[in-house]
Amino acid sequence: MAFAAPSLKGRALRLLSQREHSRAELERKLKKYEEEPGTLAAALDELAGKDFISEARVVQSVLHQRAPRLGALRVRQELQHKGIAPDAIAEAVASLQDSELTRARALWERRFATPPVDARESARQTRFLLARGFSGDVVGKVIRAIRK
């Protein structure tokens, strides 16, 4: 007994049931399953029309899940990768700016808890925060505040 392959809409719904996806992400993931040109766009249009695909929900999801552990630069990068509109990205990143220093400090405390004892350790802690997408200015403030 052979099972029919799930439809594009079914595949999209399965992906959306796991987490929020942007239209661009769904297009990228489902393109290989499209047999007739235009069927994927039609399926995604139908899902967007029923509010199953929402750019605003994707942005909120990324902010909620990733912002406590990442700086604004990495959040921007993730949103760009998801194909979110530039104005929505700018708005989301702007909302993170006020808490950037607080979030960097909290992340540092969870990861290290003790001030760097030498230049090597200071560089390691700095690289850790920079790799998480915090700006050099914010990282410098965190490291200087910790040394006091």
C-alpha atoms as a PDB file:
ATOM      1  CA  MET A   1       0.000   0.000   0.000  1.00  0.00           C
ATOM      2  CA  ALA A   2       1.640   3.219  -1.175  1.00  0.00           C
ATOM      3  CA  PHE A   3       1.105   6.478   0.616  1.00  0.00           C
ATOM      4  CA  ALA A   4       0.706   9.674  -1.352  1.00  0.00           C
ATOM      5  CA  ALA A   5       3.285  12.347  -0.715  1.00  0.00           C
ATOM      6  CA  PRO A   6       1.963  15.243   1.351  1.00  0.00           C
ATOM      7  CA  SER A   7       0.822  18.267  -0.606  1.00  0.00           C
ATOM      8  CA  LEU A   8       2.798  21.497  -0.553  1.00  0.00           C
ATOM      9  CA  LYS A   9       0.161  22.999   1.727  1.00  0.00           C
ATOM     10  CA  GLY A  10       0.404  19.971   4.035  1.00  0.00           C
ATOM     11  CA  ARG A  11       4.183  20.223   4.164  1.00  0.00           C
ATOM     12  CA  ALA A  12       3.933  23.951   4.899  1.00  0.00           C
ATOM     13  CA  LEU A  13       1.418  23.349   7.681  1.00  0.00           C
ATOM     14  CA  ARG A  14       3.692  20.714   9.212  1.00  0.00           C
ATOM     15  CA  LEU A  15       6.591  23.178   9.217  1.00  0.00           C
ATOM     16  CA  LEU A  16       4.375  25.908  10.667  1.00  0.00           C
ATOM     17  CA  SER A  17       3.182  23.583  13.420  1.00  0.00           C
ATOM     18  CA  GLN A  18       6.765  23.276  14.658  1.00  0.00           C
ATOM     19  CA  ARG A  19       7.574  27.004  14.751  1.00  0.00           C
ATOM     20  CA  GLU A  20       6.792  30.262  12.983  1.00  0.00           C
ATOM     21  CA  HIS A  21       8.248  30.480   9.475  1.00  0.00           C
ATOM     22  CA  SER A  22       8.409  33.432   7.122  1.00  0.00           C
ATOM     23  CA  ARG A  23       7.128  33.090   3.594  1.00  0.00           C
ATOM     24  CA  ALA A  24      10.705  33.212   2.276  1.00  0.00           C
ATOM     25  CA  GLU A  25      11.730  30.336   4.570  1.00  0.00           C
ATOM     26  CA  LEU A  26       8.791  28.221   3.454  1.00  0.00           C
ATOM     27  CA  GLU A  27       9.559  28.942  -0.188  1.00  0.00           C
ATOM     28  CA  ARG A  28      13.195  27.934   0.345  1.00  0.00           C
ATOM     29  CA  LYS A  29      12.283  24.713   2.162  1.00  0.00           C
ATOM     30  CA  LEU A  30       9.425  23.631  -0.100  1.00  0.00           C
ATOM     31  CA  LYS A  31      10.775  24.649  -3.534  1.00  0.00           C
ATOM     32  CA  LYS A  32      12.180  21.149  -4.163  1.00  0.00           C
ATOM     33  CA  TYR A  33       8.709  19.617  -3.758  1.00  0.00           C
ATOM     34  CA  GLU A  34       6.989  21.909  -6.263  1.00  0.00           C
ATOM     35  CA  GLU A  35       6.062  19.867  -9.316  1.00  0.00           C
ATOM     36  CA  GLU A  36       4.202  22.540 -11.289  1.00  0.00           C
ATOM     37  CA  PRO A  37       5.391  26.168 -11.365  1.00  0.00           C
ATOM     38  CA  GLY A  38       3.122  28.430  -9.388  1.00  0.00           C
ATOM     39  CA  THR A  39       1.600  25.792  -7.109  1.00  0.00           C
ATOM     40  CA  LEU A  40       3.883  26.675  -4.200  1.00  0.00           C
ATOM     41  CA  ALA A  41       3.073  30.386  -4.488  1.00  0.00           C
ATOM     42  CA  ALA A  42      -0.652  29.583  -4.614  1.00  0.00           C
ATOM     43  CA  ALA A  43      -0.425  27.355  -1.526  1.00  0.00           C
ATOM     44  CA  LEU A  44       1.528  29.988   0.404  1.00  0.00           C
ATOM     45  CA  ASP A  45      -0.877  32.718  -0.712  1.00  0.00           C
ATOM     46  CA  GLU A  46      -3.759  30.657   0.662  1.00  0.00           C
ATOM     47  CA  LEU A  47      -1.971  30.096   3.981  1.00  0.00           C
ATOM     48  CA  ALA A  48      -1.062  33.795   4.236  1.00  0.00           C
ATOM     49  CA  GLY A  49      -4.674  34.709   3.483  1.00  0.00           C
ATOM     50  CA  LYS A  50      -5.768  32.564   6.421  1.00  0.00           C
ATOM     51  CA  ASP A  51      -3.081  34.179   8.633  1.00  0.00           C
ATOM     52  CA  PHE A  52      -1.043  30.981   9.028  1.00  0.00           C
ATOM     53  CA  ILE A  53       2.007  32.879   7.763  1.00  0.00           C
ATOM     54  CA  SER A  54       2.733  36.100   9.627  1.00  0.00           C
ATOM     55  CA  GLU A  55       5.913  38.132   9.397  1.00  0.00           C
ATOM     56  CA  ALA A  56       5.035  39.923  12.642  1.00  0.00           C
ATOM     57  CA  ARG A  57       4.753  36.604  14.508  1.00  0.00           C
ATOM     58  CA  VAL A  58       8.102  35.476  13.097  1.00  0.00           C
ATOM     59  CA  VAL A  59       9.739  38.677  14.343  1.00  0.00           C
ATOM     60  CA  GLN A  60       8.142  38.334  17.801  1.00  0.00           C
ATOM     61  CA  SER A  61       9.169  34.688  17.985  1.00  0.00           C
ATOM     62  CA  VAL A  62      12.802  35.479  17.171  1.00  0.00           C
ATOM     63  CA  LEU A  63      12.842  38.363  19.659  1.00  0.00           C
ATOM     64  CA  HIS A  64      11.317  36.224  22.388  1.00  0.00           C
ATOM     65  CA  GLN A  65      13.548  33.186  21.859  1.00  0.00           C
ATOM     66  CA  ARG A  66      16.855  34.679  20.791  1.00  0.00           C
ATOM     67  CA  ALA A  67      17.167  38.213  22.201  1.00  0.00           C
ATOM     68  CA  PRO A  68      18.011  37.135  25.773  1.00  0.00           C
ATOM     69  CA  ARG A  69      21.082  35.299  24.460  1.00  0.00           C
ATOM     70  CA  LEU A  70      22.013  37.380  21.417  1.00  0.00           C
ATOM     71  CA  GLY A  71      22.880  40.956  20.649  1.00  0.00           C
ATOM     72  CA  ALA A  72      21.060  43.154  18.163  1.00  0.00           C
ATOM     73  CA  LEU A  73      23.559  42.401  15.395  1.00  0.00           C
ATOM     74  CA  ARG A  74      22.900  38.640  15.518  1.00  0.00           C
ATOM     75  CA  VAL A  75      19.145  39.142  15.816  1.00  0.00           C
ATOM     76  CA  ARG A  76      19.303  41.363  12.714  1.00  0.00           C
ATOM     77  CA  GLN A  77      21.261  38.664  10.896  1.00  0.00           C
ATOM     78  CA  GLU A  78      18.746  35.951  11.798  1.00  0.00           C
ATOM     79  CA  LEU A  79      15.804  38.065  10.693  1.00  0.00           C
ATOM     80  CA  GLN A  80      17.530  38.864   7.401  1.00  0.00           C
ATOM     81  CA  HIS A  81      18.168  35.155   6.843  1.00  0.00           C
ATOM     82  CA  LYS A  82      14.477  34.484   7.410  1.00  0.00           C
ATOM     83  CA  GLY A  83      13.595  36.960   4.670  1.00  0.00           C
ATOM     84  CA  ILE A  84      11.884  39.531   6.871  1.00  0.00           C
ATOM     85  CA  ALA A  85      11.289  42.983   5.369  1.00  0.00           C
ATOM     86  CA  PRO A  86      14.026  45.542   6.140  1.00  0.00           C
ATOM     87  CA  ASP A  87      11.648  47.979   7.861  1.00  0.00           C
ATOM     88  CA  ALA A  88      10.399  45.234  10.215  1.00  0.00           C
ATOM     89  CA  ILE A  89      14.001  44.271  10.983  1.00  0.00           C
ATOM     90  CA  ALA A  90      14.936  47.883  11.718  1.00  0.00           C
ATOM     91  CA  GLU A  91      11.980  48.230  14.074  1.00  0.00           C
ATOM     92  CA  ALA A  92      12.797  44.970  15.882  1.00  0.00           C
ATOM     93  CA  VAL A  93      16.471  45.862  16.292  1.00  0.00           C
ATOM     94  CA  ALA A  94      15.579  49.340  17.521  1.00  0.00           C
ATOM     95  CA  SER A  95      13.397  47.770  20.210  1.00  0.00           C
ATOM     96  CA  LEU A  96      16.454  45.855  21.476  1.00  0.00           C
ATOM     97  CA  GLN A  97      18.804  48.825  21.742  1.00  0.00           C
ATOM     98  CA  ASP A  98      17.560  49.999  25.159  1.00  0.00           C
ATOM     99  CA  SER A  99      18.201  46.620  26.782  1.00  0.00           C
ATOM    100  CA  GLU A 100      21.420  45.731  24.943  1.00  0.00           C
ATOM    101  CA  LEU A 101      23.776  46.497  27.838  1.00  0.00           C
ATOM    102  CA  THR A 102      21.541  44.751  30.383  1.00  0.00           C
ATOM    103  CA  ARG A 103      21.202  41.648  28.208  1.00  0.00           C
ATOM    104  CA  ALA A 104      24.967  41.510  27.559  1.00  0.00           C
ATOM    105  CA  ARG A 105      25.702  41.808  31.266  1.00  0.00           C
ATOM    106  CA  ALA A 106      23.153  39.079  32.140  1.00  0.00           C
ATOM    107  CA  LEU A 107      24.641  36.772  29.505  1.00  0.00           C
ATOM    108  CA  TRP A 108      28.138  37.430  30.816  1.00  0.00           C
ATOM    109  CA  GLU A 109      27.015  36.628  34.378  1.00  0.00           C
ATOM    110  CA  ARG A 110      25.404  33.344  33.285  1.00  0.00           C
ATOM    111  CA  ARG A 111      28.506  32.313  31.353  1.00  0.00           C
ATOM    112  CA  PHE A 112      31.425  33.550  33.434  1.00  0.00           C
ATOM    113  CA  ALA A 113      30.458  35.034  36.844  1.00  0.00           C
ATOM    114  CA  THR A 114      34.071  35.973  37.674  1.00  0.00           C
ATOM    115  CA  PRO A 115      36.020  38.929  36.272  1.00  0.00           C
ATOM    116  CA  PRO A 116      38.896  38.182  33.887  1.00  0.00           C
ATOM    117  CA  VAL A 117      42.182  37.702  35.734  1.00  0.00           C
ATOM    118  CA  ASP A 118      44.463  38.451  32.786  1.00  0.00           C
ATOM    119  CA  ALA A 119      44.440  39.817  29.249  1.00  0.00           C
ATOM    120  CA  ARG A 120      43.939  36.351  27.742  1.00  0.00           C
ATOM    121  CA  GLU A 121      40.783  35.721  29.776  1.00  0.00           C
ATOM    122  CA  SER A 122      39.544  39.227  29.058  1.00  0.00           C
ATOM    123  CA  ALA A 123      39.976  38.607  25.330  1.00  0.00           C
ATOM    124  CA  ARG A 124      38.140  35.275  25.623  1.00  0.00           C
ATOM    125  CA  GLN A 125      35.189  36.874  27.399  1.00  0.00           C
ATOM    126  CA  THR A 126      35.159  39.741  24.893  1.00  0.00           C
ATOM    127  CA  ARG A 127      35.149  37.303  21.941  1.00  0.00           C
ATOM    128  CA  PHE A 128      32.283  35.387  23.538  1.00  0.00           C
ATOM    129  CA  LEU A 129      30.083  38.488  23.718  1.00  0.00           C
ATOM    130  CA  LEU A 130      31.104  39.752  20.285  1.00  0.00           C
ATOM    131  CA  ALA A 131      30.289  36.368  18.736  1.00  0.00           C
ATOM    132  CA  ARG A 132      26.798  36.624  20.240  1.00  0.00           C
ATOM    133  CA  GLY A 133      26.214  39.819  18.290  1.00  0.00           C
ATOM    134  CA  PHE A 134      26.767  42.494  20.893  1.00  0.00           C
ATOM    135  CA  SER A 135      28.506  45.635  19.626  1.00  0.00           C
ATOM    136  CA  GLY A 136      32.088  46.395  20.578  1.00  0.00           C
ATOM    137  CA  ASP A 137      30.924  49.429  22.531  1.00  0.00           C
ATOM    138  CA  VAL A 138      28.512  47.361  24.645  1.00  0.00           C
ATOM    139  CA  VAL A 139      31.079  44.594  25.202  1.00  0.00           C
ATOM    140  CA  GLY A 140      33.656  47.167  26.280  1.00  0.00           C
ATOM    141  CA  LYS A 141      31.230  48.647  28.795  1.00  0.00           C
ATOM    142  CA  VAL A 142      30.425  45.214  30.238  1.00  0.00           C
ATOM    143  CA  ILE A 143      34.088  44.218  30.597  1.00  0.00           C
ATOM    144  CA  ARG A 144      35.093  47.589  32.083  1.00  0.00           C
ATOM    145  CA  ALA A 145      32.198  47.485  34.585  1.00  0.00           C
ATOM    146  CA  ILE A 146      33.133  43.987  35.674  1.00  0.00           C
ATOM    147  CA  ARG A 147      36.759  44.908  36.370  1.00  0.00           C
ATOM    148  CA  LYS A 148      35.752  47.686  38.792  1.00  0.00           C
END
